[in-house]
Amino acid sequence: MAAVLAALLATVAALAAGPAPAAAPQGAQGPQALGPRPVVSGLASPVGLAAPRSEPGRLYVVEQGGTVRVVVRGKLRVTPFLDVRALVRSGGEQGLLGLAFHPGYAKNRLLYVNYTDRNGHTNVVEYRSNGTRVLPGSARRILLLRQPYGNHNGGGVAFGPDGLLYVGTGDGGAGGDPENRAQNMSSLHGKMLKFNVARRGAKPQIAGLGLRNPWRYSFDRATGDLYIADVGQNALEEINWVKRGTTGLLNYGWDVYEGRAKYEDKALGRGRLVMPVAQYGRSLGCSVTGGHVYRGANKAIQGRYFYGDYCTGTVFSLKMAAGKATQIRRERFRVPNVTSFGEDAAGELFAVSHGGTLYRLTP
């Protein structure tokens, strides 16, 4: 969730006293396959990481205050790639929260960002770069979503294997989705939206509903399957999985369900119910951060999905098999205040700490 951000710390103590946790992941303390190695430090509240596949050795780090910094072969460039600080309200769960490069970035130089503006509303904006810096005058807004509260903004952007841009939105904020936005098809809150960015003026399509606050989602670069980490209310953090090629409207359950447990006694809205493939309770953390399926050179962990928890720094991994999460385990290392994971052009994994350090997950 954008609850990875500093204001969440005020609620962590209260959440820790919540209901009994779900069972710990099987195979906890599994074989040591990866560990965090610092790449750069001194970043300003980083919350995201992206990299075009056409640029080996280059990483783009999203800083919550409104800048995107470039790391070239382990060195942090002084000049930001993007600077929208004048447009952004930052702090708590707000700020510049997401970045995605167009699949054709090498030729068209298009990229997409997700931020909360000065009024606290969500903006998804297309920009063009010159290869070195973003051109401010190229801005084209794809989505303006007015936010009733200051939390649960979602914040991610990601391209799917269908070439569409996916935007996961939070339920609008407060606690327990008081206005029932997530299950309401007339609202764009609590949804997984998709956009055909090639068509100017194209309206968002609702691919899924029933999300509370999707904090990081990604598509497996090998299979095209979708993984969504959805932050829980006060008991369960969850990971959802959708196989590539799945059709029809999907319903992730909130706020009828929190994880696999019933949250409110009311009717589910439209769509086919998707239950989490993995979940964990308050003994292991209180704010899930979604990650990526590893597709780098380390064969021992090939195909494992890595994710973490902002509050405890715990890193988990699992492997999907026949539609089920298997070999779920806690890794032996932690990443403090992990706000995001990312992959480079070669599929190697990185983790971002809100404290200002970018790590590579390496043997």
Foldseek 3Di string as FASTA:
>chain_A
DLQLFDVVVVCLVVLLPFDDKDDDWPCAAHDFFWAWDFLDFPAAQWFDKEAQLVDPQKIWTHHFLAFIWIAGNSRTDPDTQTGPNVFADGHRSFGWHEKDAQNPCVPFQKIWTWGQGPQQWIWIWIWGGPVRHTDVVRIDTPDTAGAPDNDQAQTYWAAFPVRKIKGAGALRDDAQSVVPRQQDPVHPHQFIWIGDVVDPPTDIDTQEGAAHHFQDKYAAPVFRKIWTWGFFHRWKTFIFIDGPPDDDYEYAHPPCDGQNHGRDPDDGHDHHYTHGLDMITSVFAGTKHFAYQADADRPVRHQKGWIAHQCPQWIWIFHDDPNHTPPIYIYPYGAHSWNYKYAYSRRFIWTDHSNTTIITIGD
